[in-house]
């Protein structure tokens, strides 16, 4: 364990000093793992490669002021996960804008249906945004990104039981927040 720590400290110092060979070692040892991490979050292999490359490039550019408290691999994995999550959030925003644009361009059979659909969409979006951050993160990773509980647990570095608990909390909260809408739907049918 001590030799591993010493090797890690030496590698960090060499990189901080601008040693390209040390950076090459870090790149070769971590690139494939970073791509896999990014792909598990982004679900896009081209984006995953780009994210891994950006993380490694940023690591090299910031090498002089960088203070890695844990292992380099741990730091890079966490950075990759965060960048991949940001990528997914950005893609989701772009998709929403495109969907809104295409919905605005369509003609709806009635103004009431248009109003109701828009209100429901806003209510759902507002309800999700109002979830506690950790519950919302698990919910979005499951529903928007299609990740399984075990994958979410790996990405967030938590247990599967914690993922299950947060998802349960998210669903319970959404049921409460959306209950007026659920009652409207059932009221019309009954």
Protein backbone atom coordinates (compact mmCIF):
# COMPACT_ATOMS: atom_id res chain seq x y z
CA UNK A 1 0.00 0.00 0.00
CA UNK A 2 2.86 2.38 0.84
CA UNK A 3 4.59 1.72 -2.48
CA UNK A 4 1.31 2.46 -4.26
CA UNK A 5 0.94 5.75 -2.35
CA UNK A 6 4.57 6.65 -3.08
CA UNK A 7 4.09 5.82 -6.77
CA UNK A 8 0.93 7.94 -6.84
CA UNK A 9 2.65 10.92 -5.19
CA UNK A 10 5.63 10.62 -7.54
CA UNK A 11 3.35 10.47 -10.58
CA UNK A 12 1.47 13.56 -9.40
CA UNK A 13 4.71 15.47 -8.87
CA UNK A 14 6.05 14.48 -12.29
CA UNK A 15 2.81 15.59 -13.94
CA UNK A 16 2.80 18.85 -11.98
CA UNK A 17 6.35 19.44 -13.26
CA UNK A 18 5.16 18.95 -16.86
CA UNK A 19 6.50 15.44 -17.48
CA UNK A 20 4.63 14.30 -20.61
CA UNK A 21 5.73 10.70 -20.06
CA UNK A 22 3.99 10.63 -16.69
CA UNK A 23 0.85 12.08 -18.26
CA UNK A 24 1.05 9.46 -21.01
CA UNK A 25 1.12 6.77 -18.32
CA UNK A 26 -1.97 8.24 -16.64
CA UNK A 27 -3.70 8.52 -20.01
CA UNK A 28 -3.01 4.91 -21.00
CA UNK A 29 -3.97 3.52 -17.57
CA UNK A 30 -7.25 5.43 -17.32
CA UNK A 31 -8.64 6.31 -20.76
CA UNK A 32 -10.67 3.12 -21.39
CA UNK A 33 -12.15 3.20 -17.88
CA UNK A 34 -13.12 6.87 -18.27
CA UNK A 35 -14.81 6.16 -21.61
CA UNK A 36 -16.80 3.32 -20.01
CA UNK A 37 -17.85 5.59 -17.13
CA UNK A 38 -18.92 8.37 -19.48
CA UNK A 39 -20.79 5.94 -21.72
CA UNK A 40 -22.67 4.44 -18.77
CA UNK A 41 -23.99 7.93 -18.01
CA UNK A 42 -24.29 9.52 -21.48
CA UNK A 43 -25.34 6.40 -23.40
CA UNK A 44 -23.41 7.69 -26.43
CA UNK A 45 -20.03 6.20 -27.31
CA UNK A 46 -18.83 9.18 -29.39
CA UNK A 47 -19.77 11.62 -26.63
CA UNK A 48 -18.17 9.32 -24.05
CA UNK A 49 -14.83 9.38 -25.88
CA UNK A 50 -15.02 13.16 -26.21
CA UNK A 51 -15.84 13.54 -22.51
CA UNK A 52 -12.93 11.29 -21.46
CA UNK A 53 -10.55 13.25 -23.70
CA UNK A 54 -11.80 16.57 -22.34
CA UNK A 55 -11.31 15.40 -18.75
CA UNK A 56 -7.76 14.24 -19.45
CA UNK A 57 -6.93 17.40 -21.39
CA UNK A 58 -8.27 19.57 -18.55
CA UNK A 59 -6.26 17.49 -16.08
CA UNK A 60 -3.09 18.23 -18.07
CA UNK A 61 -3.89 21.94 -18.53
CA UNK A 62 -4.57 22.44 -14.82
CA UNK A 63 -1.70 20.24 -13.65
CA UNK A 64 0.22 23.02 -11.87
CA UNK A 65 -2.61 24.14 -9.58
CA UNK A 66 -4.25 20.74 -9.29
CA UNK A 67 -4.24 19.13 -5.87
CA UNK A 68 -5.47 15.56 -6.07
CA UNK A 69 -6.51 14.46 -2.59
CA UNK A 70 -7.44 10.91 -3.58
CA UNK A 71 -5.93 8.77 -6.31
CA UNK A 72 -5.52 10.18 -9.80
CA UNK A 73 -7.85 7.45 -11.10
CA UNK A 74 -10.52 8.37 -8.52
CA UNK A 75 -10.19 12.05 -9.36
CA UNK A 76 -10.48 11.37 -13.10
CA UNK A 77 -13.48 9.05 -12.66
CA UNK A 78 -15.32 11.62 -10.56
CA UNK A 79 -14.52 14.37 -13.06
CA UNK A 80 -15.71 12.17 -15.92
CA UNK A 81 -18.96 11.33 -14.14
CA UNK A 82 -19.64 15.01 -13.46
CA UNK A 83 -18.83 16.05 -17.03
CA UNK A 84 -21.01 13.23 -18.41
CA UNK A 85 -23.91 14.30 -16.18
CA UNK A 86 -23.50 17.87 -17.41
CA UNK A 87 -23.50 16.56 -20.98
CA UNK A 88 -26.74 14.64 -20.35
CA UNK A 89 -28.36 17.69 -18.74
CA UNK A 90 -27.36 19.82 -21.72
CA UNK A 91 -28.70 17.24 -24.18
CA UNK A 92 -31.97 17.07 -22.25
CA UNK A 93 -32.36 20.86 -22.42
CA UNK A 94 -31.69 20.84 -26.16
CA UNK A 95 -34.20 18.01 -26.65
CA UNK A 96 -36.84 19.89 -24.65
CA UNK A 97 -36.30 23.01 -26.73
CA UNK A 98 -36.60 21.00 -29.94
CA UNK A 99 -39.72 19.26 -28.67
CA UNK A 100 -41.26 22.57 -27.63
CA UNK A 101 -40.47 24.04 -31.04
CA UNK A 102 -42.00 21.09 -32.88
CA UNK A 103 -45.06 21.11 -30.61
CA UNK A 104 -45.55 24.83 -31.20
CA UNK A 105 -45.43 24.24 -34.95
CA UNK A 106 -48.21 21.58 -34.88
CA UNK A 107 -51.89 22.30 -34.90
CA UNK A 108 -53.81 20.78 -32.04
CA UNK A 109 -57.39 19.63 -32.43
CA UNK A 110 -58.57 21.95 -29.66
CA UNK A 111 -57.24 24.83 -27.63
CA UNK A 112 -58.34 23.03 -24.44
CA UNK A 113 -56.18 19.99 -25.22
CA UNK A 114 -53.24 22.27 -25.98
CA UNK A 115 -53.69 24.18 -22.74
CA UNK A 116 -54.18 21.04 -20.65
CA UNK A 117 -51.15 19.30 -22.21
CA UNK A 118 -48.96 22.32 -21.66
CA UNK A 119 -50.12 22.72 -18.08
CA UNK A 120 -49.54 19.04 -17.36
CA UNK A 121 -46.04 19.18 -18.89
CA UNK A 122 -45.20 22.22 -16.78
CA UNK A 123 -46.64 20.58 -13.66
CA UNK A 124 -44.57 17.41 -14.21
CA UNK A 125 -41.41 19.41 -14.93
CA UNK A 126 -42.01 21.59 -11.86
CA UNK A 127 -42.68 18.53 -9.68
CA UNK A 128 -39.44 16.86 -10.81
CA UNK A 129 -37.44 20.06 -10.34
CA UNK A 130 -38.91 20.37 -6.83
CA UNK A 131 -37.63 16.99 -5.70
CA UNK A 132 -34.76 16.94 -3.20
CA UNK A 133 -31.53 17.02 -5.22
CA UNK A 134 -30.39 13.48 -4.45
CA UNK A 135 -33.82 11.98 -5.17
CA UNK A 136 -34.11 13.99 -8.39
CA UNK A 137 -30.66 12.86 -9.52
CA UNK A 138 -31.58 9.18 -9.04
CA UNK A 139 -35.00 9.66 -10.67
CA UNK A 140 -33.55 11.41 -13.74
CA UNK A 141 -30.74 8.89 -14.13
CA UNK A 142 -33.32 6.11 -14.09
CA UNK A 143 -36.10 7.68 -16.16
CA UNK A 144 -34.26 10.06 -18.50
CA UNK A 145 -30.99 8.21 -18.96
CA UNK A 146 -32.37 4.69 -18.67
CA UNK A 147 -29.78 3.55 -16.13
CA UNK A 148 -30.49 0.50 -14.00
CA UNK A 149 -30.28 0.82 -10.21
CA UNK A 150 -26.91 -0.97 -10.10
CA UNK A 151 -25.50 1.43 -12.71
CA UNK A 152 -26.80 4.44 -10.79
CA UNK A 153 -25.26 3.07 -7.59
CA UNK A 154 -21.89 2.73 -9.35
CA UNK A 155 -21.98 6.22 -10.85
CA UNK A 156 -23.07 7.90 -7.61
CA UNK A 157 -20.86 5.69 -5.45
CA UNK A 158 -23.77 4.64 -3.23
CA UNK A 159 -25.45 1.30 -2.49
CA UNK A 160 -28.26 -0.14 -4.59
CA UNK A 161 -30.44 0.01 -1.44
CA UNK A 162 -29.82 3.76 -1.25
CA UNK A 163 -30.80 4.11 -4.92
CA UNK A 164 -34.01 2.16 -4.23
CA UNK A 165 -34.80 4.33 -1.21
CA UNK A 166 -34.22 7.59 -3.10
CA UNK A 167 -36.30 6.39 -6.05
CA UNK A 168 -39.13 5.42 -3.69
CA UNK A 169 -38.95 8.86 -2.07
CA UNK A 170 -38.99 10.53 -5.49
CA UNK A 171 -42.03 8.56 -6.67
CA UNK A 172 -43.93 9.19 -3.43
CA UNK A 173 -43.20 12.90 -3.64
CA UNK A 174 -44.25 13.04 -7.31
CA UNK A 175 -47.53 11.26 -6.50
CA UNK A 176 -48.27 13.92 -3.89
CA UNK A 177 -47.20 16.84 -6.08
CA UNK A 178 -49.15 15.57 -9.08
CA UNK A 179 -52.23 14.38 -7.18
CA UNK A 180 -54.39 17.27 -8.47
CA UNK A 181 -53.63 16.15 -12.02
CA UNK A 182 -54.26 12.51 -11.25
CA UNK A 183 -57.61 13.41 -9.71
CA UNK A 184 -58.56 15.43 -12.84
CA UNK A 185 -57.84 12.46 -15.10
CA UNK A 186 -59.75 9.98 -12.94
CA UNK A 187 -62.58 12.46 -12.36
CA UNK A 188 -63.26 12.69 -16.11
CA UNK A 189 -63.39 8.94 -16.58
CA UNK A 190 -65.55 8.19 -13.58
